[in-house]
């Protein structure tokens, strides 16, 4: 079946569809030894498609959920040679993390070779909720709770409101839901209102739950779980 070249590249797990478009316009993609054009269609089962000279093959999609520990980088490679999440998942197929959790954050992260799936989960327009457990350095004032749940700021920049799902009696432990995936978003918002985060852990991504998965452990995500999370 013919599809857009950028979609084929994304589905092959090379990169996201947006970055695939850049590969095409940069002259790094060929179809049957001819330079590919943006928007061109091809069939990976019939045409020879290469990226930087490497032939694309139809690949079996892999979806993994990992309980990321603190002290690991959410990346395929770290120039500072710190451990990465891939050091915890030993499989032969090339995979990459969907979104990121910072070095000092633990919890649920997805790894895959499906660029289209990764783009869907990461894009804020798809409203994929992420739920976090947060421990603050001091009790959350009700005024700040109202502000953060209505129109939070990072500096002078407005961000999407947080949804407060649960607050402990001492108001230091909370569970929140967010839709955006900006870098260190939760830490930056609470820091903007004078709170330090002592612990941050992601519990859920959409319909996918961390559950009883052990610290540093991983498992394959079932077909039913993928269908619930990624309706095609």
N, C-alpha and C. Protein backbone atom coordinates (compact mmCIF):
# COMPACT_ATOMS: atom_id res chain seq x y z
N UNK A 1 0.84 -1.19 0.00
CA UNK A 1 0.00 0.00 0.00
C UNK A 1 0.88 1.25 0.00
N UNK A 2 0.56 2.16 -0.88
CA UNK A 2 1.34 3.39 -0.96
C UNK A 2 0.98 4.35 0.18
N UNK A 3 2.02 5.01 0.71
CA UNK A 3 1.85 6.00 1.76
C UNK A 3 2.84 7.13 1.52
N UNK A 4 2.62 8.26 2.19
CA UNK A 4 3.58 9.34 2.11
C UNK A 4 4.93 8.87 2.67
N UNK A 5 6.01 9.35 2.03
CA UNK A 5 7.36 8.93 2.43
C UNK A 5 7.61 9.24 3.90
N UNK A 6 7.21 10.44 4.34
CA UNK A 6 7.49 10.81 5.73
C UNK A 6 6.76 9.90 6.71
N UNK A 7 5.58 9.41 6.32
CA UNK A 7 4.83 8.49 7.18
C UNK A 7 5.53 7.13 7.24
N UNK A 8 6.06 6.68 6.11
CA UNK A 8 6.79 5.41 6.08
C UNK A 8 8.02 5.47 6.97
N UNK A 9 8.76 6.58 6.89
CA UNK A 9 9.96 6.75 7.71
C UNK A 9 9.59 6.73 9.18
N UNK A 10 8.53 7.46 9.52
CA UNK A 10 8.08 7.53 10.91
C UNK A 10 7.66 6.15 11.41
N UNK A 11 6.87 5.42 10.62
CA UNK A 11 6.39 4.10 11.02
C UNK A 11 7.53 3.09 11.12
N UNK A 12 8.62 3.34 10.39
CA UNK A 12 9.77 2.43 10.45
C UNK A 12 10.61 2.64 11.70
N UNK A 13 10.28 3.69 12.47
CA UNK A 13 10.97 3.92 13.73
C UNK A 13 12.25 4.73 13.62
N UNK A 14 12.49 5.32 12.44
CA UNK A 14 13.72 6.11 12.27
C UNK A 14 13.64 7.40 13.07
N UNK A 15 12.51 8.08 12.97
CA UNK A 15 12.31 9.34 13.67
C UNK A 15 10.84 9.71 13.58
N UNK A 16 10.48 10.88 14.13
CA UNK A 16 9.10 11.33 14.05
C UNK A 16 8.77 11.80 12.63
N UNK A 17 7.48 11.94 12.34
CA UNK A 17 7.08 12.37 11.00
C UNK A 17 7.59 13.77 10.68
N UNK A 18 7.56 14.65 11.67
CA UNK A 18 8.04 16.01 11.45
C UNK A 18 9.52 16.04 11.11
N UNK A 19 10.31 15.25 11.83
CA UNK A 19 11.74 15.20 11.55
C UNK A 19 12.02 14.46 10.25
N UNK A 20 11.13 13.53 9.90
CA UNK A 20 11.27 12.82 8.62
C UNK A 20 11.14 13.80 7.45
N UNK A 21 10.26 14.78 7.59
CA UNK A 21 10.11 15.79 6.54
C UNK A 21 11.41 16.55 6.34
N UNK A 22 12.11 16.83 7.44
CA UNK A 22 13.40 17.52 7.34
C UNK A 22 14.43 16.64 6.63
N UNK A 23 14.41 15.34 6.91
CA UNK A 23 15.33 14.42 6.23
C UNK A 23 15.10 14.45 4.73
N UNK A 24 13.82 14.50 4.33
CA UNK A 24 13.49 14.51 2.90
C UNK A 24 13.97 15.80 2.24
N UNK A 25 13.64 16.94 2.86
CA UNK A 25 14.03 18.23 2.26
C UNK A 25 15.53 18.45 2.31
N UNK A 26 16.23 17.70 3.16
CA UNK A 26 17.70 17.81 3.23
C UNK A 26 18.39 16.89 2.23
N UNK A 27 17.62 16.15 1.45
CA UNK A 27 18.20 15.29 0.43
C UNK A 27 18.80 14.01 0.96
N UNK A 28 18.33 13.56 2.13
CA UNK A 28 18.91 12.37 2.76
C UNK A 28 18.06 11.11 2.53
N UNK A 29 16.97 11.29 1.77
CA UNK A 29 16.06 10.16 1.52
C UNK A 29 15.97 9.89 0.01
N UNK A 30 16.06 8.61 -0.36
CA UNK A 30 15.93 8.21 -1.76
C UNK A 30 14.89 7.11 -1.92
N UNK A 31 14.20 7.15 -3.05
CA UNK A 31 13.26 6.10 -3.42
C UNK A 31 13.71 5.53 -4.76
N UNK A 32 14.05 4.25 -4.77
CA UNK A 32 14.57 3.59 -5.97
C UNK A 32 15.75 4.38 -6.55
N UNK A 33 16.61 4.82 -5.64
CA UNK A 33 17.85 5.53 -5.95
C UNK A 33 17.64 6.94 -6.49
N UNK A 34 16.41 7.46 -6.43
CA UNK A 34 16.12 8.84 -6.82
C UNK A 34 15.81 9.64 -5.57
N UNK A 35 16.26 10.91 -5.54
CA UNK A 35 15.96 11.76 -4.39
C UNK A 35 14.46 11.87 -4.17
N UNK A 36 14.03 11.70 -2.95
CA UNK A 36 12.61 11.77 -2.62
C UNK A 36 12.16 13.22 -2.51
N UNK A 37 10.89 13.44 -2.79
CA UNK A 37 10.28 14.75 -2.65
C UNK A 37 9.25 14.73 -1.52
N UNK A 38 9.12 15.85 -0.84
CA UNK A 38 8.15 15.95 0.25
C UNK A 38 6.74 15.74 -0.30
N UNK A 39 5.98 14.84 0.30
CA UNK A 39 4.63 14.54 -0.16
C UNK A 39 4.56 13.39 -1.15
N UNK A 40 5.73 12.87 -1.56
CA UNK A 40 5.76 11.75 -2.49
C UNK A 40 5.23 10.48 -1.83
N UNK A 41 4.55 9.64 -2.60
CA UNK A 41 4.06 8.36 -2.10
C UNK A 41 4.99 7.23 -2.52
N UNK A 42 5.00 6.17 -1.71
CA UNK A 42 5.78 4.98 -2.03
C UNK A 42 5.18 3.79 -1.29
N UNK A 43 5.64 2.60 -1.66
CA UNK A 43 5.20 1.36 -1.02
C UNK A 43 6.44 0.63 -0.51
N UNK A 44 6.58 0.53 0.81
CA UNK A 44 7.79 -0.05 1.38
C UNK A 44 7.95 -1.53 1.01
N UNK A 45 6.87 -2.20 0.62
CA UNK A 45 6.97 -3.61 0.22
C UNK A 45 7.41 -3.77 -1.23
N UNK A 46 7.39 -2.68 -2.01
CA UNK A 46 7.76 -2.75 -3.43
C UNK A 46 8.93 -1.84 -3.78
N UNK A 47 9.00 -0.68 -3.15
CA UNK A 47 10.04 0.30 -3.47
C UNK A 47 11.23 0.18 -2.52
N UNK A 48 12.40 0.57 -3.02
CA UNK A 48 13.60 0.61 -2.19
C UNK A 48 13.74 2.02 -1.64
N UNK A 49 13.54 2.16 -0.35
CA UNK A 49 13.58 3.46 0.31
C UNK A 49 14.79 3.48 1.24
N UNK A 50 15.65 4.49 1.09
CA UNK A 50 16.84 4.58 1.93
C UNK A 50 16.90 5.93 2.64
N UNK A 51 17.42 5.93 3.85
CA UNK A 51 17.71 7.14 4.61
C UNK A 51 19.19 7.12 4.94
N UNK A 52 19.91 8.11 4.44
CA UNK A 52 21.37 8.16 4.60
C UNK A 52 22.01 6.86 4.11
N UNK A 53 21.45 6.29 3.04
CA UNK A 53 22.00 5.08 2.45
C UNK A 53 21.55 3.78 3.09
N UNK A 54 20.80 3.87 4.17
CA UNK A 54 20.33 2.67 4.87
C UNK A 54 18.91 2.33 4.43
N UNK A 55 18.72 1.10 3.96
CA UNK A 55 17.42 0.68 3.44
C UNK A 55 16.42 0.48 4.57
N UNK A 56 15.23 1.01 4.37
CA UNK A 56 14.14 0.80 5.33
C UNK A 56 13.48 -0.54 5.07
N UNK A 57 13.17 -1.25 6.14
CA UNK A 57 12.46 -2.52 6.05
C UNK A 57 11.18 -2.42 6.88
N UNK A 58 10.12 -3.10 6.43
CA UNK A 58 8.92 -3.15 7.28
C UNK A 58 9.30 -3.76 8.64
N UNK A 59 8.95 -3.08 9.70
CA UNK A 59 9.36 -3.54 11.03
C UNK A 59 8.15 -3.87 11.90
N UNK A 60 8.36 -4.86 12.76
CA UNK A 60 7.35 -5.18 13.74
C UNK A 60 7.36 -4.10 14.81
N UNK A 61 6.19 -3.57 15.12
CA UNK A 61 6.09 -2.49 16.09
C UNK A 61 6.31 -3.02 17.51
N UNK A 62 7.08 -2.27 18.27
CA UNK A 62 7.40 -2.64 19.64
C UNK A 62 6.93 -1.53 20.57
N UNK A 63 6.24 -1.90 21.63
CA UNK A 63 5.77 -0.93 22.63
C UNK A 63 6.12 -1.47 24.02
N UNK A 64 6.86 -0.69 24.76
CA UNK A 64 7.35 -1.10 26.07
C UNK A 64 7.03 -0.02 27.09
N UNK A 65 6.62 -0.44 28.30
CA UNK A 65 6.51 0.52 29.39
C UNK A 65 7.58 0.20 30.42
N UNK A 66 8.22 1.25 30.91
CA UNK A 66 9.33 1.14 31.86
C UNK A 66 9.03 1.96 33.10
N UNK A 67 9.38 1.41 34.27
CA UNK A 67 9.34 2.19 35.51
C UNK A 67 10.72 2.81 35.68
N UNK A 68 10.86 4.03 35.19
CA UNK A 68 12.17 4.70 35.20
C UNK A 68 12.58 5.08 36.62
N UNK A 69 13.79 4.69 37.03
CA UNK A 69 14.29 5.14 38.32
C UNK A 69 14.90 6.54 38.22
N UNK A 70 15.07 7.19 39.35
CA UNK A 70 15.86 8.42 39.40
C UNK A 70 17.30 8.09 39.01
N UNK A 71 17.97 9.02 38.34
CA UNK A 71 19.37 8.81 38.00
C UNK A 71 19.61 8.26 36.61
N UNK A 72 18.57 8.26 35.77
CA UNK A 72 18.70 7.82 34.39
C UNK A 72 18.23 8.92 33.44
N UNK A 73 18.94 9.07 32.33
CA UNK A 73 18.59 10.06 31.31
C UNK A 73 17.59 9.45 30.34
N UNK A 74 16.55 10.21 29.99
CA UNK A 74 15.56 9.74 29.02
C UNK A 74 16.05 10.09 27.62
N UNK A 75 16.94 9.27 27.12
CA UNK A 75 17.56 9.51 25.82
C UNK A 75 18.20 8.21 25.34
N UNK A 76 18.50 8.15 24.04
CA UNK A 76 19.23 6.99 23.52
C UNK A 76 20.72 7.09 23.80
N UNK A 77 21.20 8.32 24.07
CA UNK A 77 22.64 8.53 24.27
C UNK A 77 22.84 9.78 25.11
N UNK A 78 23.83 9.75 25.98
CA UNK A 78 24.15 10.91 26.80
C UNK A 78 25.62 11.25 26.64
N UNK A 79 25.95 12.46 26.14
CA UNK A 79 27.36 12.84 25.95
C UNK A 79 28.17 12.86 27.24
N UNK A 80 27.48 12.99 28.38
CA UNK A 80 28.18 12.96 29.67
C UNK A 80 28.35 11.54 30.21
N UNK A 81 27.90 10.56 29.41
CA UNK A 81 28.05 9.14 29.74
C UNK A 81 27.31 8.74 31.02
N UNK A 82 26.22 9.43 31.31
CA UNK A 82 25.36 9.01 32.40
C UNK A 82 24.48 7.86 31.90
N UNK A 83 23.98 7.01 32.80
CA UNK A 83 23.12 5.91 32.35
C UNK A 83 21.83 6.43 31.72
N UNK A 84 21.36 5.74 30.69
CA UNK A 84 20.12 6.12 30.02
C UNK A 84 19.07 5.02 30.23
N UNK A 85 17.83 5.35 29.89
CA UNK A 85 16.75 4.37 30.06
C UNK A 85 16.97 3.12 29.22
N UNK A 86 17.72 3.25 28.12
CA UNK A 86 17.98 2.08 27.28
C UNK A 86 18.91 1.09 27.96
N UNK A 87 19.66 1.54 28.96
CA UNK A 87 20.50 0.62 29.73
C UNK A 87 19.67 -0.36 30.56
N UNK A 88 18.39 -0.05 30.72
CA UNK A 88 17.49 -0.90 31.52
C UNK A 88 16.69 -1.88 30.67
N UNK A 89 16.66 -1.64 29.36
CA UNK A 89 15.84 -2.46 28.46
C UNK A 89 16.76 -3.09 27.41
N UNK A 90 17.00 -4.36 27.53
CA UNK A 90 17.95 -5.04 26.65
C UNK A 90 17.21 -5.87 25.60
N UNK A 91 16.98 -5.24 24.45
CA UNK A 91 16.40 -5.95 23.31
C UNK A 91 17.22 -5.59 22.08
N UNK A 92 17.12 -6.42 21.03
CA UNK A 92 17.94 -6.19 19.84
C UNK A 92 17.40 -5.06 18.97
N UNK A 93 16.10 -4.87 18.95
CA UNK A 93 15.50 -3.86 18.09
C UNK A 93 15.81 -2.45 18.58
N UNK A 94 15.94 -1.52 17.63
CA UNK A 94 16.16 -0.12 17.98
C UNK A 94 14.85 0.47 18.48
N UNK A 95 14.87 1.07 19.66
CA UNK A 95 13.71 1.75 20.22
C UNK A 95 14.14 3.11 20.76
N UNK A 96 13.17 3.95 21.04
CA UNK A 96 13.47 5.28 21.58
C UNK A 96 12.36 5.67 22.55
N UNK A 97 12.66 6.57 23.50
CA UNK A 97 11.64 6.98 24.47
C UNK A 97 10.63 7.95 23.87
N UNK A 98 9.39 7.85 24.34
CA UNK A 98 8.33 8.78 23.95
C UNK A 98 8.29 9.89 24.99
N UNK A 99 8.61 11.11 24.59
CA UNK A 99 8.70 12.20 25.55
C UNK A 99 9.88 11.98 26.48
N UNK A 100 9.82 12.61 27.67
CA UNK A 100 10.94 12.45 28.58
C UNK A 100 10.52 12.67 30.02
N UNK A 101 11.31 12.08 30.90
CA UNK A 101 11.28 12.40 32.33
C UNK A 101 12.68 12.85 32.68
N UNK A 102 12.80 13.91 33.48
CA UNK A 102 14.14 14.41 33.77
C UNK A 102 14.90 13.47 34.70
N UNK A 103 16.17 13.76 34.88
CA UNK A 103 17.11 12.91 35.61
C UNK A 103 16.61 12.55 37.01
N UNK A 104 15.98 13.53 37.67
CA UNK A 104 15.54 13.35 39.06
C UNK A 104 14.08 12.96 39.20
N UNK A 105 13.45 12.58 38.09
CA UNK A 105 12.05 12.15 38.10
C UNK A 105 11.96 10.67 37.79
N UNK A 106 11.08 9.97 38.48
CA UNK A 106 10.88 8.54 38.24
C UNK A 106 9.50 8.32 37.64
N UNK A 107 9.21 7.05 37.32
CA UNK A 107 7.87 6.71 36.89
C UNK A 107 7.75 6.16 35.49
N UNK A 108 6.53 6.21 34.98
CA UNK A 108 6.15 5.56 33.73
C UNK A 108 6.72 6.28 32.52
N UNK A 109 7.40 5.52 31.68
CA UNK A 109 7.83 6.05 30.39
C UNK A 109 7.62 4.95 29.34
N UNK A 110 7.29 5.36 28.13
CA UNK A 110 7.05 4.43 27.03
C UNK A 110 8.26 4.45 26.09
N UNK A 111 8.65 3.27 25.61
CA UNK A 111 9.68 3.15 24.59
C UNK A 111 9.09 2.40 23.41
N UNK A 112 9.46 2.81 22.20
CA UNK A 112 8.85 2.22 21.01
C UNK A 112 9.77 2.39 19.81
N UNK A 113 9.41 1.75 18.70
CA UNK A 113 10.05 2.02 17.41
C UNK A 113 9.04 2.59 16.43
N UNK A 114 7.89 3.01 16.93
CA UNK A 114 6.78 3.52 16.12
C UNK A 114 6.73 5.04 16.22
N UNK A 115 7.27 5.71 15.21
CA UNK A 115 7.33 7.17 15.23
C UNK A 115 5.97 7.83 15.19
N UNK A 116 5.03 7.22 14.46
CA UNK A 116 3.68 7.78 14.37
C UNK A 116 2.99 7.73 15.74
N UNK A 117 3.14 6.62 16.44
CA UNK A 117 2.59 6.47 17.78
C UNK A 117 3.22 7.50 18.73
N UNK A 118 4.54 7.64 18.65
CA UNK A 118 5.25 8.59 19.51
C UNK A 118 4.75 10.01 19.31
N UNK A 119 4.56 10.38 18.04
CA UNK A 119 4.08 11.72 17.73
C UNK A 119 2.67 11.95 18.26
N UNK A 120 1.82 10.93 18.17
CA UNK A 120 0.44 11.04 18.66
C UNK A 120 0.42 11.25 20.17
N UNK A 121 1.20 10.47 20.91
CA UNK A 121 1.22 10.55 22.36
C UNK A 121 1.79 11.90 22.82
N UNK A 122 2.78 12.40 22.10
CA UNK A 122 3.50 13.60 22.53
C UNK A 122 2.79 14.90 22.19
N UNK A 123 1.96 14.89 21.14
CA UNK A 123 1.40 16.15 20.66
C UNK A 123 0.27 16.63 21.58
N UNK A 124 0.35 17.87 22.09
CA UNK A 124 -0.66 18.35 23.04
C UNK A 124 -2.07 18.42 22.48
N UNK A 125 -2.21 18.53 21.15
CA UNK A 125 -3.55 18.62 20.56
C UNK A 125 -4.36 17.34 20.75
N UNK A 126 -3.68 16.23 21.06
CA UNK A 126 -4.39 14.95 21.26
C UNK A 126 -4.86 14.75 22.69
N UNK A 127 -4.52 15.70 23.57
CA UNK A 127 -5.04 15.72 24.95
C UNK A 127 -4.80 14.40 25.71
N UNK A 128 -3.60 13.85 25.56
CA UNK A 128 -3.25 12.65 26.33
C UNK A 128 -2.86 13.09 27.74
N UNK A 129 -3.67 12.70 28.72
CA UNK A 129 -3.41 13.10 30.10
C UNK A 129 -2.25 12.32 30.69
N UNK A 130 -1.41 13.02 31.46
CA UNK A 130 -0.36 12.38 32.24
C UNK A 130 -0.59 12.70 33.71
N UNK A 131 -0.56 11.66 34.53
CA UNK A 131 -0.80 11.84 35.96
C UNK A 131 0.49 11.65 36.74
N UNK A 132 0.72 12.56 37.72
CA UNK A 132 1.96 12.57 38.50
C UNK A 132 1.66 12.61 39.99
N UNK A 133 2.56 11.99 40.73
CA UNK A 133 2.58 12.11 42.19
C UNK A 133 3.69 13.09 42.55
N UNK A 134 3.35 14.10 43.36
CA UNK A 134 4.29 15.18 43.68
C UNK A 134 4.38 15.34 45.19
N UNK A 135 5.61 15.47 45.70
CA UNK A 135 5.83 15.82 47.10
C UNK A 135 6.50 17.18 47.14
N UNK A 136 5.84 18.15 47.80
CA UNK A 136 6.34 19.52 47.88
C UNK A 136 7.14 19.74 49.16
N UNK A 137 7.98 20.78 49.13
CA UNK A 137 8.82 21.10 50.29
C UNK A 137 8.01 21.76 51.41
N UNK A 138 6.83 22.28 51.07
CA UNK A 138 5.97 22.91 52.08
C UNK A 138 4.52 22.76 51.64
N UNK A 139 3.61 23.04 52.53
CA UNK A 139 2.18 22.88 52.25
C UNK A 139 1.73 23.81 51.13
N UNK A 140 0.91 23.28 50.24
CA UNK A 140 0.38 24.07 49.13
C UNK A 140 -0.73 24.99 49.61
N UNK A 141 -0.54 26.28 49.42
CA UNK A 141 -1.57 27.24 49.81
C UNK A 141 -2.76 27.13 48.85
N UNK A 142 -3.95 27.31 49.40
CA UNK A 142 -5.16 27.19 48.58
C UNK A 142 -5.18 28.22 47.46
N UNK A 143 -4.66 29.41 47.73
CA UNK A 143 -4.60 30.44 46.70
C UNK A 143 -3.76 29.95 45.51
N UNK A 144 -2.60 29.36 45.80
CA UNK A 144 -1.74 28.87 44.72
C UNK A 144 -2.38 27.68 44.01
N UNK A 145 -3.11 26.85 44.74
CA UNK A 145 -3.83 25.75 44.09
C UNK A 145 -4.83 26.30 43.07
N UNK A 146 -5.55 27.35 43.46
CA UNK A 146 -6.53 27.96 42.55
C UNK A 146 -5.85 28.53 41.31
N UNK A 147 -4.72 29.21 41.52
CA UNK A 147 -4.01 29.82 40.39
C UNK A 147 -3.50 28.75 39.44
N UNK A 148 -2.87 27.71 40.00
CA UNK A 148 -2.27 26.66 39.17
C UNK A 148 -3.34 25.85 38.44
N UNK A 149 -4.53 25.75 39.02
CA UNK A 149 -5.61 25.00 38.37
C UNK A 149 -6.42 25.85 37.39
N UNK A 150 -6.10 27.15 37.31
CA UNK A 150 -6.85 28.03 36.41
C UNK A 150 -5.95 28.67 35.34
N UNK A 151 -4.88 29.32 35.75
CA UNK A 151 -4.01 29.99 34.77
C UNK A 151 -2.58 30.06 35.29
N UNK A 152 -1.88 28.91 35.35
CA UNK A 152 -0.51 28.91 35.86
C UNK A 152 0.46 29.62 34.93
N UNK A 153 1.54 30.09 35.51
CA UNK A 153 2.56 30.80 34.76
C UNK A 153 3.93 30.17 34.99
N UNK A 154 4.78 30.26 33.95
CA UNK A 154 6.22 30.05 34.09
C UNK A 154 6.85 31.37 33.70
N UNK A 155 7.31 32.13 34.69
CA UNK A 155 7.69 33.51 34.41
C UNK A 155 6.45 34.28 34.02
N UNK A 156 6.44 34.82 32.80
CA UNK A 156 5.25 35.51 32.30
C UNK A 156 4.48 34.67 31.27
N UNK A 157 4.92 33.44 31.07
CA UNK A 157 4.30 32.58 30.06
C UNK A 157 3.17 31.76 30.66
N UNK A 158 2.00 31.83 30.04
CA UNK A 158 0.86 31.02 30.48
C UNK A 158 1.00 29.59 29.97
N UNK A 159 0.63 28.63 30.81
CA UNK A 159 0.62 27.23 30.41
C UNK A 159 -0.75 26.64 30.73
N UNK A 160 -1.01 25.44 30.21
CA UNK A 160 -2.30 24.81 30.45
C UNK A 160 -2.50 24.55 31.94
N UNK A 161 -3.71 24.74 32.44
CA UNK A 161 -3.99 24.49 33.86
C UNK A 161 -3.71 23.05 34.27
N UNK A 162 -3.28 22.88 35.51
CA UNK A 162 -3.11 21.56 36.11
C UNK A 162 -4.44 21.13 36.72
N UNK A 163 -4.70 19.84 36.70
CA UNK A 163 -5.88 19.28 37.36
C UNK A 163 -5.43 18.60 38.65
N UNK A 164 -5.95 19.07 39.78
CA UNK A 164 -5.59 18.48 41.07
C UNK A 164 -6.51 17.29 41.33
N UNK A 165 -5.92 16.11 41.37
CA UNK A 165 -6.69 14.87 41.50
C UNK A 165 -6.81 14.42 42.96
N UNK A 166 -5.81 14.78 43.77
CA UNK A 166 -5.79 14.39 45.18
C UNK A 166 -4.78 15.25 45.92
N UNK A 167 -5.10 15.61 47.18
CA UNK A 167 -4.20 16.38 48.03
C UNK A 167 -4.23 15.77 49.43
N UNK A 168 -3.06 15.54 50.01
CA UNK A 168 -2.99 14.96 51.36
C UNK A 168 -3.44 15.98 52.40
N UNK A 169 -3.68 15.50 53.62
CA UNK A 169 -4.14 16.38 54.69
C UNK A 169 -3.14 17.50 55.00
N UNK A 170 -1.84 17.20 54.90
CA UNK A 170 -0.84 18.25 55.16
C UNK A 170 -0.56 19.11 53.94
N UNK A 171 -1.21 18.80 52.80
CA UNK A 171 -1.13 19.56 51.55
C UNK A 171 0.28 19.61 50.98
N UNK A 172 1.11 18.64 51.33
CA UNK A 172 2.45 18.54 50.75
C UNK A 172 2.50 17.48 49.64
N UNK A 173 1.65 16.49 49.74
CA UNK A 173 1.61 15.41 48.75
C UNK A 173 0.36 15.59 47.89
N UNK A 174 0.57 15.57 46.58
CA UNK A 174 -0.55 15.80 45.66
C UNK A 174 -0.44 14.87 44.45
N UNK A 175 -1.56 14.68 43.78
CA UNK A 175 -1.58 14.02 42.48
C UNK A 175 -2.21 14.99 41.49
N UNK A 176 -1.53 15.20 40.38
CA UNK A 176 -2.01 16.15 39.38
C UNK A 176 -2.03 15.51 38.00
N UNK A 177 -2.86 16.08 37.13
CA UNK A 177 -2.92 15.65 35.74
C UNK A 177 -2.58 16.84 34.84
N UNK A 178 -1.79 16.58 33.81
CA UNK A 178 -1.42 17.63 32.86
C UNK A 178 -1.56 17.08 31.44
N UNK A 179 -1.63 18.01 30.46
CA UNK A 179 -1.70 17.62 29.06
C UNK A 179 -0.45 18.01 28.29
N UNK A 180 0.23 19.05 28.74
CA UNK A 180 1.42 19.52 28.04
C UNK A 180 2.63 18.67 28.38
N UNK A 181 3.64 18.73 27.52
CA UNK A 181 4.86 17.98 27.77
C UNK A 181 6.10 18.84 27.75
N UNK A 182 5.97 20.10 28.12
CA UNK A 182 7.13 20.99 28.11
C UNK A 182 8.19 20.51 29.11
N UNK A 183 9.43 20.81 28.78
CA UNK A 183 10.56 20.37 29.59
C UNK A 183 10.44 20.87 31.03
N UNK A 184 10.48 19.94 31.99
CA UNK A 184 10.46 20.24 33.42
C UNK A 184 9.26 21.13 33.80
N UNK A 185 8.14 20.93 33.13
CA UNK A 185 6.97 21.79 33.30
C UNK A 185 6.50 21.86 34.75
N UNK A 186 6.32 20.71 35.39
CA UNK A 186 5.77 20.69 36.75
C UNK A 186 6.72 21.38 37.72
N UNK A 187 8.00 21.07 37.62
CA UNK A 187 8.98 21.70 38.51
C UNK A 187 9.00 23.21 38.31
N UNK A 188 8.95 23.65 37.07
CA UNK A 188 9.04 25.09 36.77
C UNK A 188 7.81 25.85 37.26
N UNK A 189 6.62 25.24 37.11
CA UNK A 189 5.40 25.90 37.57
C UNK A 189 5.41 26.05 39.08
N UNK A 190 5.68 24.98 39.80
CA UNK A 190 5.67 25.07 41.27
C UNK A 190 6.79 25.98 41.77
N UNK A 191 7.94 25.94 41.12
CA UNK A 191 9.04 26.83 41.50
C UNK A 191 8.65 28.29 41.31
N UNK A 192 7.83 28.55 40.30
CA UNK A 192 7.38 29.92 40.04
C UNK A 192 6.57 30.50 41.20
N UNK A 193 5.96 29.60 41.99
CA UNK A 193 5.15 30.04 43.13
C UNK A 193 5.82 29.74 44.48
N UNK A 194 7.13 29.47 44.42
CA UNK A 194 7.90 29.35 45.66
C UNK A 194 7.96 27.96 46.27
N UNK A 195 7.67 26.93 45.49
CA UNK A 195 7.70 25.56 46.01
C UNK A 195 8.82 24.76 45.35
N UNK A 196 9.54 24.01 46.16
CA UNK A 196 10.50 23.05 45.63
C UNK A 196 9.85 21.67 45.63
N UNK A 197 10.17 20.89 44.62
CA UNK A 197 9.64 19.53 44.54
C UNK A 197 10.67 18.55 45.10
N UNK A 198 10.25 17.81 46.11
CA UNK A 198 11.14 16.84 46.74
C UNK A 198 11.04 15.46 46.08
N UNK A 199 9.91 15.18 45.48
CA UNK A 199 9.73 13.91 44.75
C UNK A 199 8.73 14.12 43.63
N UNK A 200 9.04 13.55 42.47
CA UNK A 200 8.14 13.64 41.32
C UNK A 200 8.14 12.30 40.60
N UNK A 201 6.94 11.76 40.41
CA UNK A 201 6.82 10.43 39.80
C UNK A 201 5.61 10.41 38.87
N UNK A 202 5.81 9.93 37.64
CA UNK A 202 4.69 9.81 36.71
C UNK A 202 4.00 8.46 36.91
N UNK A 203 2.69 8.52 37.09
CA UNK A 203 1.90 7.33 37.38
C UNK A 203 1.14 6.79 36.17
N UNK A 204 0.70 7.70 35.28
CA UNK A 204 -0.17 7.29 34.18
C UNK A 204 0.14 8.11 32.93
N UNK A 205 -0.07 7.48 31.77
CA UNK A 205 -0.08 8.16 30.48
C UNK A 205 -1.36 7.71 29.79
N UNK A 206 -2.34 8.61 29.68
CA UNK A 206 -3.62 8.22 29.11
C UNK A 206 -4.25 7.08 29.88
N UNK A 207 -4.54 5.99 29.17
CA UNK A 207 -5.15 4.81 29.80
C UNK A 207 -4.12 3.81 30.31
N UNK A 208 -2.84 4.16 30.22
CA UNK A 208 -1.77 3.25 30.63
C UNK A 208 -1.33 3.59 32.05
N UNK A 209 -1.33 2.59 32.93
CA UNK A 209 -1.04 2.78 34.34
C UNK A 209 0.26 2.08 34.72
N UNK A 210 1.04 2.72 35.59
CA UNK A 210 2.27 2.11 36.08
C UNK A 210 1.97 0.86 36.90
N UNK A 211 0.92 0.94 37.71
CA UNK A 211 0.49 -0.22 38.49
C UNK A 211 1.58 -0.76 39.40
N UNK A 212 1.75 -2.08 39.40
CA UNK A 212 2.70 -2.75 40.30
C UNK A 212 4.05 -3.00 39.64
N UNK A 213 4.29 -2.41 38.47
CA UNK A 213 5.57 -2.62 37.79
C UNK A 213 6.72 -2.14 38.66
N UNK A 214 7.69 -3.00 38.91
CA UNK A 214 8.77 -2.70 39.84
C UNK A 214 9.71 -1.61 39.36
N UNK A 215 10.38 -0.98 40.30
CA UNK A 215 11.34 0.09 40.05
C UNK A 215 12.45 -0.43 39.14
N UNK A 216 12.64 0.21 37.98
CA UNK A 216 13.66 -0.22 37.03
C UNK A 216 13.26 -1.39 36.15
N UNK A 217 12.01 -1.87 36.30
CA UNK A 217 11.53 -3.01 35.51
C UNK A 217 10.74 -2.52 34.30
N UNK A 218 10.55 -3.42 33.32
CA UNK A 218 9.79 -3.07 32.12
C UNK A 218 8.98 -4.28 31.67
N UNK A 219 7.99 -3.99 30.81
CA UNK A 219 7.19 -5.05 30.19
C UNK A 219 6.67 -4.55 28.85
N UNK A 220 6.31 -5.50 27.98
CA UNK A 220 5.68 -5.13 26.72
C UNK A 220 4.25 -4.66 26.97
N UNK A 221 3.83 -3.67 26.20
CA UNK A 221 2.46 -3.17 26.28
C UNK A 221 1.58 -4.03 25.36
N UNK A 222 0.45 -4.47 25.84
CA UNK A 222 -0.41 -5.37 25.07
C UNK A 222 -1.09 -4.65 23.91
N UNK A 223 -1.58 -5.43 22.95
CA UNK A 223 -2.30 -4.86 21.81
C UNK A 223 -3.54 -4.11 22.27
N UNK A 224 -4.26 -4.66 23.24
CA UNK A 224 -5.46 -3.98 23.74
C UNK A 224 -5.10 -2.65 24.39
N UNK A 225 -4.01 -2.61 25.14
CA UNK A 225 -3.58 -1.36 25.77
C UNK A 225 -3.22 -0.32 24.72
N UNK A 226 -2.56 -0.76 23.64
CA UNK A 226 -2.21 0.17 22.57
C UNK A 226 -3.46 0.69 21.87
N UNK A 227 -4.43 -0.19 21.61
CA UNK A 227 -5.68 0.24 20.96
C UNK A 227 -6.42 1.27 21.80
N UNK A 228 -6.42 1.08 23.12
CA UNK A 228 -7.08 2.04 24.00
C UNK A 228 -6.37 3.38 24.03
N UNK A 229 -5.05 3.33 23.87
CA UNK A 229 -4.25 4.55 23.97
C UNK A 229 -4.12 5.26 22.63
N UNK A 230 -4.13 4.49 21.54
CA UNK A 230 -3.80 5.01 20.21
C UNK A 230 -4.82 4.51 19.19
N UNK A 231 -6.03 5.08 19.19
CA UNK A 231 -7.06 4.67 18.23
C UNK A 231 -6.70 5.16 16.83
N UNK A 232 -6.56 4.25 15.89
CA UNK A 232 -6.17 4.63 14.53
C UNK A 232 -7.40 4.83 13.65
